[in-house]
Amino acid sequence: MLKLCRFKVLVFILFNLLTGFAAYAAKSSNEIDMYIRDDVYVDFQAFVAGRDLHEIKSFTGYRMRRDVVDMVLALQALKIGGFDKRFNYQVGKVTLRNTNILERGKQLLSFDTYWYADAEKIAEYAYISEPVFRKGEYLAGVFAHPENRKVFTIDSLEDFSSFTSISTPRWHADWQTLSSLKLKKLYQDDEWLQQIRAVDKKWADFVLLPFMPALNNHYKLHSLELLAVPGIALTFNDSRHFVVSKKHPDGEAAFNALQKGLRELAKQNRIKKAYIEAGFIPEKGTVKVLNSALIDKQ
């Protein structure tokens, strides 16, 4: 009788362990770890502010930035396309392009869009989505430390010859654009945060960043501070796309859903409308695009 009781107890424990494991496995298979830069996640959370993400159609407001628009549109497109797995956000000072976690299948996709020239370099490992910005649509601001007053006098292409900038050849479109400006010096640093720090310390005069109208184009990260030169912009001879890992177990399903969702959002004109509302495609006449003639010649 004692042995029978012990046997029943063991069976009961084993049953609970197995059902618990099955539940954990089911939960795990429906959740995906997603690595994201801490400053982007903070601004994403501030913008969403507890709202139903998939009901958001207005992209004006607090903490709005291009990375946040990218992220919201990607999540909406995935949902529309039928991809319903949940994301566990792993927040930190991660830069996906420098860690290669997407190429290795450790990251499903990049919420930060890529230039096509950069995406093409990893096409062996990544699917490339429909464009969210076409060639010549994307404008960037010239950002410098607020006390570096000489930079704020830039008003023409010729003015750039007196100044230095910083970027990386890994970002082909940025590097190509800056190289065409005939700068005094173009410094190379492959780490994005180091680029920002170099401009904050005035080791380099300026860096190209997306406009941040909700923040008055005043970028702050911890003790680092940059401000856009008002009234001017630079454009790029390239398009921007999401990339999805081919090596991730959910990569193909996510890519197919993303493509379907992006097409539906584009059909409703919600992609371009989002970037216009957020200020990343400024209204004609509000900024002077200094290098538009150079782009047209390429």
Protein backbone atom coordinates (compact mmCIF):
# COMPACT_ATOMS: atom_id res chain seq x y z
CA MET A 1 0.00 0.00 0.00
CA LEU A 2 2.87 2.35 0.91
CA LYS A 3 4.62 1.55 -2.37
CA LEU A 4 1.41 2.28 -4.29
CA CYS A 5 1.06 5.66 -2.57
CA ARG A 6 4.67 6.52 -3.35
CA PHE A 7 4.12 5.48 -6.96
CA LYS A 8 1.04 7.74 -7.21
CA VAL A 9 2.98 10.64 -5.71
CA LEU A 10 5.81 10.12 -8.20
CA VAL A 11 3.34 9.93 -11.08
CA PHE A 12 1.66 13.13 -9.85
CA ILE A 13 5.02 14.96 -9.60
CA LEU A 14 6.13 13.69 -13.00
CA PHE A 15 2.81 14.72 -14.57
CA ASN A 16 3.12 18.25 -13.17
CA LEU A 17 6.71 18.53 -14.30
CA LEU A 18 5.82 17.41 -17.81
CA THR A 19 2.77 19.66 -18.12
CA GLY A 20 4.75 22.56 -16.69
CA PHE A 21 7.55 21.94 -19.15
CA ALA A 22 5.06 21.65 -22.02
CA ALA A 23 3.45 24.95 -21.02
CA TYR A 24 6.88 26.60 -20.75
CA ALA A 25 7.91 25.19 -24.13
CA ALA A 26 4.66 26.40 -25.72
CA LYS A 27 5.16 29.85 -24.19
CA SER A 28 8.82 29.93 -25.27
CA SER A 29 7.96 28.91 -28.84
CA ASN A 30 5.49 31.80 -29.02
CA GLU A 31 7.96 34.39 -27.70
CA ILE A 32 11.05 35.79 -29.38
CA ASP A 33 13.90 37.70 -27.76
CA MET A 34 14.50 40.98 -29.57
CA TYR A 35 17.59 43.07 -28.89
CA ILE A 36 17.06 46.81 -29.02
CA ARG A 37 19.11 49.89 -28.19
CA ASP A 38 18.14 51.41 -24.84
CA ASP A 39 17.50 54.98 -26.06
CA VAL A 40 15.24 53.76 -28.88
CA TYR A 41 13.23 51.58 -26.50
CA VAL A 42 12.76 54.44 -24.01
CA ASP A 43 11.45 56.74 -26.75
CA PHE A 44 9.28 53.96 -28.22
CA GLN A 45 7.64 53.37 -24.83
CA ALA A 46 7.15 57.10 -24.29
CA PHE A 47 5.45 57.49 -27.68
CA VAL A 48 3.18 54.45 -27.39
CA ALA A 49 2.32 55.37 -23.78
CA GLY A 50 0.18 52.31 -23.12
CA ARG A 51 -1.95 52.64 -26.27
CA ASP A 52 -2.88 49.74 -28.52
CA LEU A 53 0.09 49.79 -30.88
CA HIS A 54 -1.95 48.56 -33.83
CA GLU A 55 -4.49 51.38 -33.52
CA ILE A 56 -1.86 54.12 -33.78
CA LYS A 57 -2.28 56.13 -36.99
CA SER A 58 -0.97 59.53 -35.90
CA PHE A 59 2.80 59.95 -35.70
CA THR A 60 3.06 63.35 -34.12
CA GLY A 61 3.89 63.70 -30.48
CA TYR A 62 6.36 63.32 -27.68
CA ARG A 63 9.71 61.57 -28.25
CA MET A 64 8.99 60.98 -31.93
CA ARG A 65 12.06 59.97 -33.97
CA ARG A 66 12.71 58.00 -37.14
CA ASP A 67 13.74 54.84 -35.24
CA VAL A 68 10.39 54.89 -33.42
CA VAL A 69 8.39 55.30 -36.65
CA ASP A 70 10.37 52.39 -38.15
CA MET A 71 9.62 50.20 -35.14
CA VAL A 72 5.90 50.98 -34.97
CA LEU A 73 5.43 50.44 -38.72
CA ALA A 74 7.33 47.13 -38.60
CA LEU A 75 5.22 45.85 -35.71
CA GLN A 76 2.00 46.96 -37.39
CA ALA A 77 3.03 45.32 -40.68
CA LEU A 78 3.90 42.04 -38.95
CA LYS A 79 0.48 42.01 -37.27
CA ILE A 80 -1.38 42.82 -40.49
CA GLY A 81 0.59 40.07 -42.24
CA GLY A 82 -0.46 37.50 -39.64
CA PHE A 83 2.71 37.17 -37.55
CA ASP A 84 1.46 37.03 -33.97
CA LYS A 85 4.41 35.91 -31.87
CA ARG A 86 5.27 38.09 -28.88
CA PHE A 87 8.58 39.88 -28.48
CA ASN A 88 10.65 39.93 -25.29
CA TYR A 89 12.71 43.11 -25.58
CA GLN A 90 16.32 42.77 -24.46
CA VAL A 91 17.32 46.38 -23.89
CA GLY A 92 20.92 47.57 -23.89
CA LYS A 93 23.61 49.46 -25.76
CA VAL A 94 23.49 47.01 -28.65
CA THR A 95 24.30 47.99 -32.23
CA LEU A 96 23.04 45.17 -34.43
CA ARG A 97 25.25 45.96 -37.40
CA ASN A 98 28.42 45.71 -35.36
CA THR A 99 27.49 42.54 -33.45
CA ASN A 100 26.32 40.49 -36.48
CA ILE A 101 23.59 38.87 -34.37
CA LEU A 102 21.08 39.21 -37.19
CA GLU A 103 23.37 37.50 -39.69
CA ARG A 104 23.97 34.70 -37.17
CA GLY A 105 20.24 34.17 -36.62
CA LYS A 106 20.24 35.43 -33.03
CA GLN A 107 18.04 38.41 -33.94
CA LEU A 108 14.86 38.02 -36.01
CA LEU A 109 14.91 41.43 -37.67
CA SER A 110 16.15 44.98 -37.35
CA PHE A 111 13.55 47.56 -36.33
CA ASP A 112 16.01 50.15 -37.62
CA THR A 113 15.78 50.30 -41.42
CA TYR A 114 18.89 49.80 -43.55
CA TRP A 115 20.07 51.59 -46.65
CA TYR A 116 19.73 49.20 -49.60
CA ALA A 117 23.49 49.34 -50.25
CA ASP A 118 24.10 48.14 -46.66
CA ALA A 119 21.30 45.55 -46.77
CA GLU A 120 22.65 44.14 -50.03
CA LYS A 121 25.96 43.35 -48.33
CA ILE A 122 24.22 40.88 -46.01
CA ALA A 123 21.72 39.54 -48.56
CA GLU A 124 23.21 36.07 -48.12
CA TYR A 125 21.96 36.11 -44.52
CA ALA A 126 18.97 38.48 -44.66
CA TYR A 127 15.74 39.06 -46.54
CA ILE A 128 15.28 42.65 -47.75
CA SER A 129 11.82 44.22 -47.49
CA GLU A 130 9.92 46.60 -49.72
CA PRO A 131 11.32 50.16 -49.39
CA VAL A 132 9.86 52.48 -46.78
CA PHE A 133 11.84 55.42 -48.24
CA ARG A 134 12.62 55.56 -51.95
CA LYS A 135 15.74 57.19 -53.39
CA GLY A 136 15.92 60.90 -52.66
CA GLU A 137 12.99 60.88 -50.19
CA TYR A 138 15.03 60.53 -47.02
CA LEU A 139 16.47 63.71 -45.53
CA ALA A 140 19.01 63.97 -42.71
CA GLY A 141 19.95 66.87 -40.50
CA VAL A 142 23.44 68.24 -39.88
CA PHE A 143 23.88 67.83 -36.11
CA ALA A 144 26.62 69.55 -34.07
CA HIS A 145 27.29 70.47 -30.45
CA PRO A 146 25.18 73.59 -29.65
CA GLU A 147 28.32 75.53 -28.69
CA ASN A 148 30.12 74.76 -31.96
CA ARG A 149 28.64 77.90 -33.45
CA LYS A 150 30.60 77.95 -36.71
CA VAL A 151 28.78 74.82 -37.91
CA PHE A 152 25.49 76.70 -37.58
CA THR A 153 26.59 79.11 -40.34
CA ILE A 154 26.54 76.35 -42.99
CA ASP A 155 24.22 77.42 -45.81
CA SER A 156 25.71 75.92 -48.99
CA LEU A 157 27.71 72.94 -50.26
CA GLU A 158 30.84 75.08 -50.45
CA ASP A 159 30.66 75.80 -46.71
CA PHE A 160 31.33 72.15 -45.84
CA SER A 161 34.97 72.44 -46.96
CA SER A 162 35.79 74.15 -43.64
CA PHE A 163 34.37 71.37 -41.46
CA THR A 164 34.95 67.79 -40.37
CA SER A 165 32.49 64.95 -39.96
CA ILE A 166 32.51 61.34 -38.78
CA SER A 167 30.86 58.14 -40.00
CA THR A 168 31.77 54.63 -41.15
CA PRO A 169 32.14 53.06 -44.62
CA ARG A 170 29.96 50.25 -43.26
CA TRP A 171 27.05 52.67 -43.78
CA HIS A 172 27.54 53.05 -47.51
CA ALA A 173 24.96 55.76 -48.19
CA ASP A 174 26.11 57.98 -45.31
CA TRP A 175 29.78 57.55 -46.21
CA GLN A 176 29.15 58.18 -49.92
CA THR A 177 27.14 61.32 -49.19
CA LEU A 178 29.71 62.74 -46.76
CA SER A 179 32.56 61.89 -49.14
CA SER A 180 30.87 63.93 -51.87
CA LEU A 181 30.87 67.09 -49.71
CA LYS A 182 34.64 67.79 -50.03
CA LEU A 183 35.02 68.08 -46.28
CA LYS A 184 38.12 69.29 -44.50
CA LYS A 185 38.32 65.78 -42.99
CA LEU A 186 36.04 62.73 -42.77
CA TYR A 187 36.87 60.63 -39.72
CA GLN A 188 36.03 56.95 -39.47
CA ASP A 189 34.59 55.21 -36.42
CA ASP A 190 32.48 52.07 -36.75
CA GLU A 191 30.71 52.60 -33.40
CA TRP A 192 27.64 54.84 -33.60
CA LEU A 193 27.91 55.97 -29.98
CA GLN A 194 31.55 56.92 -30.49
CA GLN A 195 30.53 59.05 -33.47
CA ILE A 196 28.03 60.94 -31.31
CA ARG A 197 30.60 61.36 -28.54
CA ALA A 198 33.20 62.69 -31.00
CA VAL A 199 30.83 65.44 -32.15
CA ASP A 200 29.73 66.22 -28.59
CA LYS A 201 33.40 66.67 -27.63
CA LYS A 202 33.98 68.73 -30.83
CA TRP A 203 36.63 66.30 -32.07
CA ALA A 204 34.52 66.26 -35.24
CA ASP A 205 32.25 69.12 -36.25
CA PHE A 206 29.05 67.33 -37.22
CA VAL A 207 27.28 64.04 -37.81
CA LEU A 208 24.24 63.19 -39.93
CA LEU A 209 21.13 62.20 -37.96
CA PRO A 210 17.41 61.89 -38.72
CA PHE A 211 15.36 64.97 -37.92
CA MET A 212 13.65 64.89 -34.51
CA PRO A 213 10.90 67.52 -34.74
CA ALA A 214 9.17 66.41 -31.53
CA LEU A 215 12.43 67.19 -29.70
CA ASN A 216 13.04 70.43 -31.63
CA ASN A 217 15.89 68.58 -33.36
CA HIS A 218 17.76 68.63 -30.07
CA TYR A 219 19.31 65.20 -29.50
CA LYS A 220 20.29 64.20 -25.96
CA LEU A 221 21.68 60.89 -24.76
CA HIS A 222 22.89 60.85 -21.16
CA SER A 223 25.50 63.64 -21.06
CA LEU A 224 25.78 63.90 -24.87
CA GLU A 225 24.02 66.77 -26.63
CA LEU A 226 23.66 67.65 -30.32
CA LEU A 227 21.50 70.15 -32.21
CA ALA A 228 20.53 70.29 -35.90
CA VAL A 229 21.60 73.24 -38.04
CA PRO A 230 18.21 74.87 -38.82
CA GLY A 231 16.88 75.22 -42.35
CA ILE A 232 19.22 72.79 -44.14
CA ALA A 233 19.22 69.08 -44.96
CA LEU A 234 21.11 66.47 -46.96
CA THR A 235 19.56 63.67 -48.98
CA PHE A 236 20.80 60.25 -50.13
CA ASN A 237 20.89 58.40 -53.42
CA ASP A 238 19.52 55.23 -51.83
CA SER A 239 16.34 53.64 -50.45
CA ARG A 240 15.67 52.31 -46.93
CA HIS A 241 14.43 48.81 -46.06
CA PHE A 242 13.82 46.43 -43.17
CA VAL A 243 16.02 43.33 -43.04
CA VAL A 244 14.97 39.95 -41.63
CA SER A 245 17.36 37.14 -40.70
CA LYS A 246 17.33 34.12 -43.01
CA LYS A 247 18.96 32.04 -40.28
CA HIS A 248 16.41 32.74 -37.55
CA PRO A 249 13.84 29.90 -37.15
CA ASP A 250 10.98 32.38 -37.67
CA GLY A 251 12.75 34.44 -40.33
CA GLU A 252 10.87 33.31 -43.42
CA ALA A 253 7.44 33.52 -41.76
CA ALA A 254 8.22 36.97 -40.34
CA PHE A 255 9.50 38.24 -43.70
CA ASN A 256 6.42 37.05 -45.59
CA ALA A 257 4.16 38.67 -42.99
CA LEU A 258 6.20 41.88 -43.04
CA GLN A 259 6.02 42.14 -46.83
CA LYS A 260 2.27 41.56 -46.84
CA GLY A 261 1.77 44.12 -44.09
CA LEU A 262 4.00 46.76 -45.69
CA ARG A 263 2.13 46.43 -48.99
CA GLU A 264 -1.18 46.93 -47.18
CA LEU A 265 0.16 49.95 -45.24
CA ALA A 266 1.55 51.43 -48.48
CA LYS A 267 -1.81 50.88 -50.23
CA GLN A 268 -3.44 52.93 -47.46
CA ASN A 269 -0.65 55.57 -47.79
CA ARG A 270 0.14 55.07 -44.10
CA ILE A 271 3.91 54.64 -44.51
CA LYS A 272 4.67 57.94 -46.23
CA LYS A 273 2.01 59.69 -44.12
CA ALA A 274 3.72 58.46 -40.93
CA TYR A 275 7.11 59.85 -41.93
CA ILE A 276 5.60 63.15 -43.12
CA GLU A 277 3.64 63.58 -39.87
CA ALA A 278 6.75 62.77 -37.86
CA GLY A 279 8.71 65.40 -39.80
CA PHE A 280 11.20 63.14 -41.55
CA ILE A 281 9.90 64.07 -44.97
CA PRO A 282 9.64 67.85 -44.43
CA GLU A 283 7.18 69.84 -46.49
CA LYS A 284 8.69 71.35 -49.63
CA GLY A 285 10.22 74.73 -48.95
CA THR A 286 10.70 74.22 -45.21
CA VAL A 287 14.34 73.12 -45.56
CA LYS A 288 17.00 73.67 -48.19
CA VAL A 289 18.39 70.35 -49.49
CA LEU A 290 21.99 71.35 -50.08
CA ASN A 291 23.13 68.33 -52.09
CA SER A 292 20.07 67.67 -54.27
CA ALA A 293 22.05 68.61 -57.41
CA LEU A 294 24.78 66.09 -56.55
CA ILE A 295 22.21 63.33 -56.07
CA ASP A 296 20.57 64.15 -59.39
CA LYS A 297 23.92 63.72 -61.19
CA GLN A 298 24.62 60.26 -59.75
